[in-house]
Protein backbone atom coordinates (compact mmCIF):
# COMPACT_ATOMS: atom_id res chain seq x y z
CA MET A 1 0.07 -0.09 0.14
CA ASN A 2 2.78 2.51 1.09
CA ARG A 3 4.59 1.82 -2.32
CA LEU A 4 1.52 2.33 -4.44
CA ARG A 5 1.02 5.54 -2.63
CA SER A 6 4.53 6.64 -3.00
CA ARG A 7 3.97 6.37 -6.77
CA GLY A 8 0.89 8.57 -6.71
CA VAL A 9 -1.49 5.64 -6.92
CA GLN A 10 -4.69 6.44 -5.15
CA VAL A 11 -5.34 3.63 -2.45
CA ARG A 12 -8.47 3.08 -0.36
CA TYR A 13 -7.90 0.98 2.71
CA GLU A 14 -10.68 0.33 5.08
CA ILE A 15 -10.64 -1.43 8.52
CA PHE A 16 -13.90 -2.68 10.13
CA HIS A 17 -12.98 -2.58 13.75
CA ASN A 18 -16.25 -4.65 14.75
CA GLU A 19 -15.06 -7.61 12.58
CA GLY A 20 -12.53 -10.38 12.72
CA HIS A 21 -11.06 -11.94 9.48
CA GLY A 22 -14.39 -11.88 7.57
CA LEU A 23 -17.57 -9.66 7.04
CA LEU A 24 -20.30 -11.16 9.17
CA ARG A 25 -22.24 -7.96 10.03
CA ARG A 26 -24.71 -7.03 7.30
CA ASP A 27 -23.97 -3.25 7.44
CA ASN A 28 -20.23 -4.12 6.73
CA GLN A 29 -21.10 -6.39 3.99
CA ALA A 30 -23.26 -3.75 2.26
CA LYS A 31 -20.58 -1.07 2.75
CA SER A 32 -17.88 -3.48 1.23
CA LEU A 33 -20.15 -4.58 -1.62
CA SER A 34 -20.96 -0.88 -2.22
CA ASP A 35 -17.42 0.20 -2.28
CA ALA A 36 -16.50 -2.53 -4.80
CA GLY A 37 -19.27 -1.70 -6.95
CA GLU A 38 -18.09 2.18 -6.96
CA PHE A 39 -14.63 0.96 -7.76
CA LEU A 40 -15.72 -1.20 -10.63
CA ILE A 41 -17.82 1.63 -12.23
CA GLU A 42 -15.12 4.20 -11.74
CA HIS A 43 -12.15 2.07 -13.27
CA LEU A 44 -14.23 -0.06 -15.82
CA GLY A 45 -17.12 2.35 -16.67
CA ASP A 46 -20.82 1.56 -16.55
């Protein structure tokens, strides 16, 4: 992540403090999937 940022690449890193190694809470699942969708639209078009 730091190497990408040092090259000027925008990096988004999100931590869900109320989760362990997976996403079990529905609100966190929804946020994660929404973020993934936004990434795909931004980088691949709609």
